[in-house]
């Protein structure tokens, strides 16, 4: 039986990216001017890169969905 493709398993995350105007001094607060969520985690980054390279291989991700706000 010949196998083809790549399966990536591991921590697949949601990155919370916040843009600020300046780096705060220690103990100070800073205004967040823009926020966004993006996919992250090593397995997903590998698969996304392979997909962009048009590797011609079937790609699969294996992971679990967490029981938190991002997993809902």
PDB file of N, CA and C in Angstrom:
ATOM      1  N   UNK A   1       0.837  -1.181   0.000  1.00  0.00           N
ATOM      2  CA  UNK A   1       0.000   0.000   0.000  1.00  0.00           C
ATOM      3  C   UNK A   1       0.884   1.247   0.000  1.00  0.00           C
ATOM      4  N   UNK A   2       0.705   2.053  -0.999  1.00  0.00           N
ATOM      5  CA  UNK A   2       1.492   3.280  -1.106  1.00  0.00           C
ATOM      6  C   UNK A   2       0.759   4.416  -0.394  1.00  0.00           C
ATOM      7  N   UNK A   3       1.499   5.167   0.395  1.00  0.00           N
ATOM      8  CA  UNK A   3       0.916   6.297   1.122  1.00  0.00           C
ATOM      9  C   UNK A   3       1.449   7.594   0.534  1.00  0.00           C
ATOM     10  N   UNK A   4       0.583   8.551   0.405  1.00  0.00           N
ATOM     11  CA  UNK A   4       0.981   9.864  -0.089  1.00  0.00           C
ATOM     12  C   UNK A   4       0.328  10.922   0.777  1.00  0.00           C
ATOM     13  N   UNK A   5       1.045  11.970   1.015  1.00  0.00           N
ATOM     14  CA  UNK A   5       0.488  13.091   1.751  1.00  0.00           C
ATOM     15  C   UNK A   5       1.228  13.359   3.042  1.00  0.00           C
ATOM     16  N   UNK A   6       0.797  14.405   3.696  1.00  0.00           N
ATOM     17  CA  UNK A   6       1.421  14.833   4.945  1.00  0.00           C
ATOM     18  C   UNK A   6       0.324  15.097   5.968  1.00  0.00           C
ATOM     19  N   UNK A   7       0.502  14.535   7.161  1.00  0.00           N
ATOM     20  CA  UNK A   7      -0.376  14.812   8.292  1.00  0.00           C
ATOM     21  C   UNK A   7       0.446  15.582   9.317  1.00  0.00           C
ATOM     22  N   UNK A   8      -0.072  16.699   9.771  1.00  0.00           N
ATOM     23  CA  UNK A   8       0.597  17.479  10.812  1.00  0.00           C
ATOM     24  C   UNK A   8      -0.290  17.474  12.052  1.00  0.00           C
ATOM     25  N   UNK A   9       0.300  17.136  13.181  1.00  0.00           N
ATOM     26  CA  UNK A   9      -0.446  17.079  14.438  1.00  0.00           C
ATOM     27  C   UNK A   9       0.308  17.847  15.510  1.00  0.00           C
ATOM     28  N   UNK A  10      -0.424  18.414  16.412  1.00  0.00           N
ATOM     29  CA  UNK A  10       0.200  19.145  17.507  1.00  0.00           C
ATOM     30  C   UNK A  10      -0.667  20.303  17.949  1.00  0.00           C
ATOM     31  N   UNK A  11      -0.041  21.291  18.556  1.00  0.00           N
ATOM     32  CA  UNK A  11      -0.767  22.447  19.070  1.00  0.00           C
ATOM     33  C   UNK A  11      -1.138  23.403  17.942  1.00  0.00           C
ATOM     34  N   UNK A  12      -2.424  23.504  17.674  1.00  0.00           N
ATOM     35  CA  UNK A  12      -2.934  24.490  16.721  1.00  0.00           C
ATOM     36  C   UNK A  12      -3.618  25.565  17.541  1.00  0.00           C
ATOM     37  N   UNK A  13      -3.222  26.778  17.336  1.00  0.00           N
ATOM     38  CA  UNK A  13      -3.589  27.859  18.237  1.00  0.00           C
ATOM     39  C   UNK A  13      -4.333  28.974  17.531  1.00  0.00           C
ATOM     40  N   UNK A  14      -4.924  29.840  18.326  1.00  0.00           N
ATOM     41  CA  UNK A  14      -5.451  31.108  17.831  1.00  0.00           C
ATOM     42  C   UNK A  14      -4.541  32.190  18.407  1.00  0.00           C
ATOM     43  N   UNK A  15      -3.879  32.928  17.528  1.00  0.00           N
ATOM     44  CA  UNK A  15      -3.027  34.032  17.960  1.00  0.00           C
ATOM     45  C   UNK A  15      -3.879  35.288  18.094  1.00  0.00           C
ATOM     46  N   UNK A  16      -3.739  35.976  19.203  1.00  0.00           N
ATOM     47  CA  UNK A  16      -4.393  37.267  19.407  1.00  0.00           C
ATOM     48  C   UNK A  16      -3.319  38.331  19.190  1.00  0.00           C
ATOM     49  N   UNK A  17      -3.468  39.098  18.118  1.00  0.00           N
ATOM     50  CA  UNK A  17      -2.463  40.092  17.736  1.00  0.00           C
ATOM     51  C   UNK A  17      -3.029  41.476  18.038  1.00  0.00           C
ATOM     52  N   UNK A  18      -2.309  42.237  18.850  1.00  0.00           N
ATOM     53  CA  UNK A  18      -2.746  43.580  19.234  1.00  0.00           C
ATOM     54  C   UNK A  18      -1.728  44.600  18.744  1.00  0.00           C
ATOM     55  N   UNK A  19      -2.223  45.645  18.090  1.00  0.00           N
ATOM     56  CA  UNK A  19      -1.357  46.731  17.632  1.00  0.00           C
ATOM     57  C   UNK A  19      -1.462  47.870  18.643  1.00  0.00           C
ATOM     58  N   UNK A  20      -0.300  48.379  19.057  1.00  0.00           N
ATOM     59  CA  UNK A  20      -0.256  49.488  20.012  1.00  0.00           C
ATOM     60  C   UNK A  20       0.530  50.641  19.395  1.00  0.00           C
ATOM     61  N   UNK A  21       0.302  51.842  19.911  1.00  0.00           N
ATOM     62  CA  UNK A  21       1.002  53.019  19.374  1.00  0.00           C
ATOM     63  C   UNK A  21       2.447  53.096  19.859  1.00  0.00           C
ATOM     64  N   UNK A  22       2.680  52.670  21.070  1.00  0.00           N
ATOM     65  CA  UNK A  22       4.024  52.750  21.646  1.00  0.00           C
ATOM     66  C   UNK A  22       4.191  51.642  22.672  1.00  0.00           C
ATOM     67  N   UNK A  23       5.432  51.273  22.939  1.00  0.00           N
ATOM     68  CA  UNK A  23       5.724  50.272  23.953  1.00  0.00           C
ATOM     69  C   UNK A  23       5.571  50.917  25.325  1.00  0.00           C
ATOM     70  N   UNK A  24       4.796  50.319  26.235  1.00  0.00           N
ATOM     71  CA  UNK A  24       4.570  50.956  27.538  1.00  0.00           C
ATOM     72  C   UNK A  24       5.788  50.849  28.453  1.00  0.00           C
ATOM     73  N   UNK A  25       5.898  51.839  29.308  1.00  0.00           N
ATOM     74  CA  UNK A  25       6.917  51.756  30.353  1.00  0.00           C
ATOM     75  C   UNK A  25       6.459  50.717  31.367  1.00  0.00           C
ATOM     76  N   UNK A  26       7.398  50.184  32.115  1.00  0.00           N
ATOM     77  CA  UNK A  26       7.084  49.152  33.099  1.00  0.00           C
ATOM     78  C   UNK A  26       6.007  49.652  34.075  1.00  0.00           C
ATOM     79  N   UNK A  27       4.949  48.855  34.231  1.00  0.00           N
ATOM     80  CA  UNK A  27       3.873  49.189  35.152  1.00  0.00           C
ATOM     81  C   UNK A  27       2.803  50.102  34.571  1.00  0.00           C
ATOM     82  N   UNK A  28       2.967  50.540  33.335  1.00  0.00           N
ATOM     83  CA  UNK A  28       1.999  51.438  32.700  1.00  0.00           C
ATOM     84  C   UNK A  28       1.094  50.655  31.764  1.00  0.00           C
ATOM     85  N   UNK A  29      -0.033  51.270  31.431  1.00  0.00           N
ATOM     86  CA  UNK A  29      -0.959  50.700  30.459  1.00  0.00           C
ATOM     87  C   UNK A  29      -0.752  51.391  29.118  1.00  0.00           C
ATOM     88  N   UNK A  30      -1.234  50.745  28.063  1.00  0.00           N
ATOM     89  CA  UNK A  30      -1.119  51.335  26.728  1.00  0.00           C
ATOM     90  C   UNK A  30      -2.414  51.060  25.971  1.00  0.00           C
ATOM     91  N   UNK A  31      -2.765  51.955  25.060  1.00  0.00           N
ATOM     92  CA  UNK A  31      -3.980  51.796  24.267  1.00  0.00           C
ATOM     93  C   UNK A  31      -3.746  50.803  23.130  1.00  0.00           C
ATOM     94  N   UNK A  32      -4.672  49.858  22.978  1.00  0.00           N
ATOM     95  CA  UNK A  32      -4.653  48.932  21.839  1.00  0.00           C
ATOM     96  C   UNK A  32      -5.460  49.590  20.732  1.00  0.00           C
ATOM     97  N   UNK A  33      -4.819  49.839  19.578  1.00  0.00           N
ATOM     98  CA  UNK A  33      -5.499  50.546  18.491  1.00  0.00           C
ATOM     99  C   UNK A  33      -6.134  49.595  17.484  1.00  0.00           C
ATOM    100  N   UNK A  34      -5.699  48.346  17.467  1.00  0.00           N
ATOM    101  CA  UNK A  34      -6.280  47.368  16.539  1.00  0.00           C
ATOM    102  C   UNK A  34      -6.020  45.968  17.084  1.00  0.00           C
ATOM    103  N   UNK A  35      -7.008  45.089  16.964  1.00  0.00           N
ATOM    104  CA  UNK A  35      -6.863  43.693  17.391  1.00  0.00           C
ATOM    105  C   UNK A  35      -7.368  42.777  16.293  1.00  0.00           C
ATOM    106  N   UNK A  36      -6.728  41.638  16.160  1.00  0.00           N
ATOM    107  CA  UNK A  36      -7.222  40.618  15.239  1.00  0.00           C
ATOM    108  C   UNK A  36      -6.806  39.244  15.738  1.00  0.00           C
ATOM    109  N   UNK A  37      -7.529  38.247  15.276  1.00  0.00           N
ATOM    110  CA  UNK A  37      -7.187  36.860  15.592  1.00  0.00           C
ATOM    111  C   UNK A  37      -6.691  36.197  14.321  1.00  0.00           C
ATOM    112  N   UNK A  38      -5.718  35.310  14.477  1.00  0.00           N
ATOM    113  CA  UNK A  38      -5.150  34.610  13.326  1.00  0.00           C
ATOM    114  C   UNK A  38      -4.818  33.184  13.738  1.00  0.00           C
ATOM    115  N   UNK A  39      -4.729  32.312  12.746  1.00  0.00           N
ATOM    116  CA  UNK A  39      -4.341  30.930  13.025  1.00  0.00           C
ATOM    117  C   UNK A  39      -2.867  30.879  13.388  1.00  0.00           C
ATOM    118  N   UNK A  40      -2.510  29.912  14.211  1.00  0.00           N
ATOM    119  CA  UNK A  40      -1.126  29.771  14.624  1.00  0.00           C
ATOM    120  C   UNK A  40      -0.826  28.355  15.068  1.00  0.00           C
ATOM    121  N   UNK A  41       0.394  28.159  15.493  1.00  0.00           N
ATOM    122  CA  UNK A  41       0.851  26.842  15.907  1.00  0.00           C
ATOM    123  C   UNK A  41       1.679  26.198  14.810  1.00  0.00           C
ATOM    124  N   UNK A  42       2.712  25.482  15.210  1.00  0.00           N
ATOM    125  CA  UNK A  42       3.659  24.909  14.249  1.00  0.00           C
ATOM    126  C   UNK A  42       3.010  24.003  13.205  1.00  0.00           C
ATOM    127  N   UNK A  43       2.152  23.045  13.570  1.00  0.00           N
ATOM    128  CA  UNK A  43       1.598  22.155  12.541  1.00  0.00           C
ATOM    129  C   UNK A  43       0.811  22.912  11.470  1.00  0.00           C
ATOM    130  N   UNK A  44       0.000  23.851  11.908  1.00  0.00           N
ATOM    131  CA  UNK A  44      -0.799  24.603  10.952  1.00  0.00           C
ATOM    132  C   UNK A  44       0.077  25.489  10.073  1.00  0.00           C
ATOM    133  N   UNK A  45       1.099  26.103  10.652  1.00  0.00           N
ATOM    134  CA  UNK A  45       2.007  26.934   9.859  1.00  0.00           C
ATOM    135  C   UNK A  45       2.716  26.109   8.790  1.00  0.00           C
ATOM    136  N   UNK A  46       3.117  24.892   9.123  1.00  0.00           N
ATOM    137  CA  UNK A  46       3.763  24.007   8.140  1.00  0.00           C
ATOM    138  C   UNK A  46       2.800  23.687   7.003  1.00  0.00           C
ATOM    139  N   UNK A  47       1.567  23.316   7.335  1.00  0.00           N
ATOM    140  CA  UNK A  47       0.595  22.960   6.299  1.00  0.00           C
ATOM    141  C   UNK A  47       0.250  24.154   5.415  1.00  0.00           C
ATOM    142  N   UNK A  48       0.097  25.329   6.008  1.00  0.00           N
ATOM    143  CA  UNK A  48      -0.203  26.521   5.213  1.00  0.00           C
ATOM    144  C   UNK A  48       0.944  26.854   4.266  1.00  0.00           C
ATOM    145  N   UNK A  49       2.174  26.703   4.737  1.00  0.00           N
ATOM    146  CA  UNK A  49       3.334  26.956   3.878  1.00  0.00           C
ATOM    147  C   UNK A  49       3.395  25.950   2.741  1.00  0.00           C
ATOM    148  N   UNK A  50       3.172  24.674   3.027  1.00  0.00           N
ATOM    149  CA  UNK A  50       3.170  23.654   1.970  1.00  0.00           C
ATOM    150  C   UNK A  50       2.061  23.918   0.955  1.00  0.00           C
ATOM    151  N   UNK A  51       0.903  24.347   1.427  1.00  0.00           N
ATOM    152  CA  UNK A  51      -0.201  24.647   0.509  1.00  0.00           C
ATOM    153  C   UNK A  51       0.165  25.805  -0.414  1.00  0.00           C
ATOM    154  N   UNK A  52       0.841  26.824   0.124  1.00  0.00           N
ATOM    155  CA  UNK A  52       1.263  27.965  -0.696  1.00  0.00           C
ATOM    156  C   UNK A  52       2.326  27.571  -1.715  1.00  0.00           C
ATOM    157  N   UNK A  53       3.102  26.533  -1.384  1.00  0.00           N
ATOM    158  CA  UNK A  53       4.155  26.054  -2.298  1.00  0.00           C
ATOM    159  C   UNK A  53       3.590  25.150  -3.389  1.00  0.00           C
ATOM    160  N   UNK A  54       2.295  24.831  -3.315  1.00  0.00           N
ATOM    161  CA  UNK A  54       1.657  23.928  -4.282  1.00  0.00           C
ATOM    162  C   UNK A  54       2.458  22.626  -4.387  1.00  0.00           C
ATOM    163  N   UNK A  55       2.677  22.000  -3.224  1.00  0.00           N
ATOM    164  CA  UNK A  55       3.503  20.791  -3.147  1.00  0.00           C
ATOM    165  C   UNK A  55       2.887  19.606  -3.882  1.00  0.00           C
ATOM    166  N   UNK A  56       1.598  19.653  -4.178  1.00  0.00           N
ATOM    167  CA  UNK A  56       0.948  18.560  -4.897  1.00  0.00           C
ATOM    168  C   UNK A  56       0.682  17.336  -4.045  1.00  0.00           C
ATOM    169  N   UNK A  57       0.736  17.496  -2.737  1.00  0.00           N
ATOM    170  CA  UNK A  57       0.477  16.388  -1.814  1.00  0.00           C
ATOM    171  C   UNK A  57      -0.803  16.666  -1.030  1.00  0.00           C
ATOM    172  N   UNK A  58      -1.557  15.618  -0.695  1.00  0.00           N
ATOM    173  CA  UNK A  58      -2.693  15.818   0.207  1.00  0.00           C
ATOM    174  C   UNK A  58      -2.187  16.256   1.584  1.00  0.00           C
ATOM    175  N   UNK A  59      -2.843  17.237   2.166  1.00  0.00           N
ATOM    176  CA  UNK A  59      -2.442  17.764   3.467  1.00  0.00           C
ATOM    177  C   UNK A  59      -3.589  17.592   4.450  1.00  0.00           C
ATOM    178  N   UNK A  60      -3.272  17.125   5.660  1.00  0.00           N
ATOM    179  CA  UNK A  60      -4.276  16.922   6.707  1.00  0.00           C
ATOM    180  C   UNK A  60      -3.760  17.477   8.024  1.00  0.00           C
ATOM    181  N   UNK A  61      -4.662  18.057   8.797  1.00  0.00           N
ATOM    182  CA  UNK A  61      -4.339  18.532  10.137  1.00  0.00           C
ATOM    183  C   UNK A  61      -5.074  17.665  11.152  1.00  0.00           C
ATOM    184  N   UNK A  62      -4.396  17.339  12.247  1.00  0.00           N
ATOM    185  CA  UNK A  62      -4.990  16.555  13.327  1.00  0.00           C
ATOM    186  C   UNK A  62      -4.814  17.336  14.621  1.00  0.00           C
ATOM    187  N   UNK A  63      -5.910  17.569  15.322  1.00  0.00           N
ATOM    188  CA  UNK A  63      -5.835  18.287  16.581  1.00  0.00           C
ATOM    189  C   UNK A  63      -7.146  18.194  17.326  1.00  0.00           C
ATOM    190  N   UNK A  64      -7.195  18.801  18.476  1.00  0.00           N
ATOM    191  CA  UNK A  64      -8.393  18.848  19.308  1.00  0.00           C
ATOM    192  C   UNK A  64      -8.844  20.290  19.454  1.00  0.00           C
ATOM    193  N   UNK A  65     -10.136  20.483  19.670  1.00  0.00           N
ATOM    194  CA  UNK A  65     -10.674  21.816  19.892  1.00  0.00           C
ATOM    195  C   UNK A  65     -10.814  22.027  21.391  1.00  0.00           C
ATOM    196  N   UNK A  66     -10.246  23.111  21.878  1.00  0.00           N
ATOM    197  CA  UNK A  66     -10.283  23.405  23.297  1.00  0.00           C
ATOM    198  C   UNK A  66     -11.640  23.895  23.759  1.00  0.00           C
ATOM    199  N   UNK A  67     -11.856  23.814  25.057  1.00  0.00           N
ATOM    200  CA  UNK A  67     -13.109  24.270  25.652  1.00  0.00           C
ATOM    201  C   UNK A  67     -12.905  25.662  26.247  1.00  0.00           C
ATOM    202  N   UNK A  68     -12.689  26.637  25.364  1.00  0.00           N
ATOM    203  CA  UNK A  68     -12.530  28.022  25.780  1.00  0.00           C
ATOM    204  C   UNK A  68     -13.223  28.914  24.759  1.00  0.00           C
ATOM    205  N   UNK A  69     -13.090  30.218  24.892  1.00  0.00           N
ATOM    206  CA  UNK A  69     -13.771  31.138  23.974  1.00  0.00           C
ATOM    207  C   UNK A  69     -13.352  30.922  22.529  1.00  0.00           C
ATOM    208  N   UNK A  70     -12.099  30.628  22.283  1.00  0.00           N
ATOM    209  CA  UNK A  70     -11.632  30.433  20.911  1.00  0.00           C
ATOM    210  C   UNK A  70     -12.082  29.094  20.339  1.00  0.00           C
ATOM    211  N   UNK A  71     -12.343  28.121  21.189  1.00  0.00           N
ATOM    212  CA  UNK A  71     -12.775  26.811  20.713  1.00  0.00           C
ATOM    213  C   UNK A  71     -14.269  26.715  20.456  1.00  0.00           C
ATOM    214  N   UNK A  72     -15.010  27.677  20.960  1.00  0.00           N
ATOM    215  CA  UNK A  72     -16.471  27.646  20.783  1.00  0.00           C
ATOM    216  C   UNK A  72     -16.891  28.106  19.408  1.00  0.00           C
TER     217      UNK A  72
END
